[in-house]
Amino acid sequence: GGEGRCSGRLEVYHNAVWGSVCDDHWDISDAQVVCRQLGCGAALRADGNSIFGAGEGVVWMNRIHLWDCPLSLNNHTDCSHKEHAGLTCA
């Protein structure tokens, strides 16, 4: 994890299961959306390569863009646990 609730590995709760988010296409614009949803300050970093540690289990999101688009959540088996997204908000 990170320091506090506004920094760390990004996970999504779907169908009563926590899952990770793959870092493919993950960028500062996506992190900005997440920081805003968490009620944190502006996004300072959009991290990849599981720098906050690898998650376990399902990977709910892959190749994401979190603005103005619907997104289906599926278990993405083509994303390893070394590719999880993280972020740091102000």
Protein backbone atom coordinates (compact mmCIF):
# COMPACT_ATOMS: atom_id res chain seq x y z
CA GLY A 1 0.00 0.00 0.00
CA GLY A 2 0.83 3.63 0.09
CA GLU A 3 0.78 6.24 2.80
CA GLY A 4 -2.82 6.92 3.79
CA ARG A 5 -6.00 6.41 1.81
CA CYS A 6 -4.95 8.67 -1.08
CA SER A 7 -1.96 6.63 -2.20
CA GLY A 8 -1.47 2.99 -3.08
CA ARG A 9 -2.48 0.13 -5.35
CA LEU A 10 -5.79 0.69 -7.09
CA GLU A 11 -8.45 -1.95 -6.50
CA VAL A 12 -12.10 -2.20 -7.51
CA TYR A 13 -14.92 -3.90 -5.57
CA HIS A 14 -17.24 -5.75 -7.98
CA ASN A 15 -19.70 -8.58 -7.32
CA ALA A 16 -18.51 -8.78 -3.69
CA VAL A 17 -14.90 -9.38 -4.81
CA TRP A 18 -11.93 -7.00 -4.62
CA GLY A 19 -9.77 -7.02 -7.73
CA SER A 20 -6.79 -5.15 -9.11
CA VAL A 21 -6.51 -2.80 -12.07
CA CYS A 22 -3.94 -3.49 -14.79
CA ASP A 23 -1.50 -0.69 -15.63
CA ASP A 24 -1.98 -1.01 -19.43
CA HIS A 25 -2.99 2.47 -20.68
CA TRP A 26 -3.14 3.73 -17.06
CA ASP A 27 -2.07 7.38 -16.94
CA ILE A 28 -2.33 10.60 -14.97
CA SER A 29 -5.76 11.42 -16.46
CA ASP A 30 -7.14 8.15 -15.10
CA ALA A 31 -5.49 8.77 -11.73
CA GLN A 32 -7.09 12.22 -11.64
CA VAL A 33 -10.57 10.64 -11.95
CA VAL A 34 -9.83 8.16 -9.16
CA CYS A 35 -8.39 10.85 -6.87
CA ARG A 36 -11.50 12.95 -7.38
CA GLN A 37 -13.79 9.96 -6.69
CA LEU A 38 -11.88 9.24 -3.47
CA GLY A 39 -12.27 12.85 -2.32
CA CYS A 40 -8.51 13.35 -2.38
CA GLY A 41 -6.47 16.16 -3.90
CA ALA A 42 -5.13 16.26 -7.45
CA ALA A 43 -3.32 13.26 -8.89
CA LEU A 44 0.43 13.56 -8.44
CA ARG A 45 1.44 10.22 -9.98
CA ALA A 46 -0.05 7.34 -11.94
CA ASP A 47 2.13 4.36 -11.13
CA GLY A 48 2.45 0.95 -12.73
CA ASN A 49 4.56 -2.17 -12.40
CA SER A 50 2.96 -2.99 -9.03
CA ILE A 51 5.20 -0.50 -7.19
CA PHE A 52 2.79 -0.66 -4.24
CA GLY A 53 2.96 -4.45 -4.23
CA ALA A 54 1.19 -7.10 -6.24
CA GLY A 55 -2.44 -7.87 -5.55
CA GLU A 56 -3.98 -11.31 -5.53
CA GLY A 57 -6.93 -12.84 -7.32
CA VAL A 58 -8.83 -11.23 -10.17
CA VAL A 59 -7.84 -8.25 -12.28
CA TRP A 60 -11.12 -6.43 -12.95
CA MET A 61 -9.93 -3.72 -15.31
CA ASN A 62 -7.42 -3.64 -18.16
CA ARG A 63 -6.54 -1.09 -20.87
CA ILE A 64 -8.63 1.56 -19.19
CA HIS A 65 -9.54 5.14 -19.88
CA LEU A 66 -11.68 6.50 -17.06
CA TRP A 67 -13.39 9.36 -18.80
CA ASP A 68 -16.71 9.46 -20.66
CA CYS A 69 -16.98 5.75 -21.39
CA PRO A 70 -18.82 2.68 -20.16
CA LEU A 71 -16.58 -0.09 -18.90
CA SER A 72 -17.30 -3.77 -18.42
CA LEU A 73 -15.60 -5.53 -15.56
CA ASN A 74 -14.19 -8.97 -16.32
CA ASN A 75 -11.35 -11.08 -15.01
CA HIS A 76 -8.45 -10.14 -17.30
CA THR A 77 -6.06 -13.07 -17.27
CA ASP A 78 -3.61 -11.41 -19.69
CA CYS A 79 -2.44 -8.99 -16.98
CA SER A 80 0.06 -10.40 -14.51
CA HIS A 81 0.28 -9.45 -10.84
CA LYS A 82 3.44 -7.50 -11.74
CA GLU A 83 1.36 -5.01 -13.77
CA HIS A 84 -1.00 -3.48 -11.21
CA ALA A 85 -1.87 0.19 -11.26
CA GLY A 86 -1.31 2.54 -8.36
CA LEU A 87 -1.60 6.23 -7.71
CA THR A 88 -0.64 9.06 -5.41
CA CYS A 89 -3.01 11.96 -4.82
CA ALA A 90 -2.22 15.26 -3.10
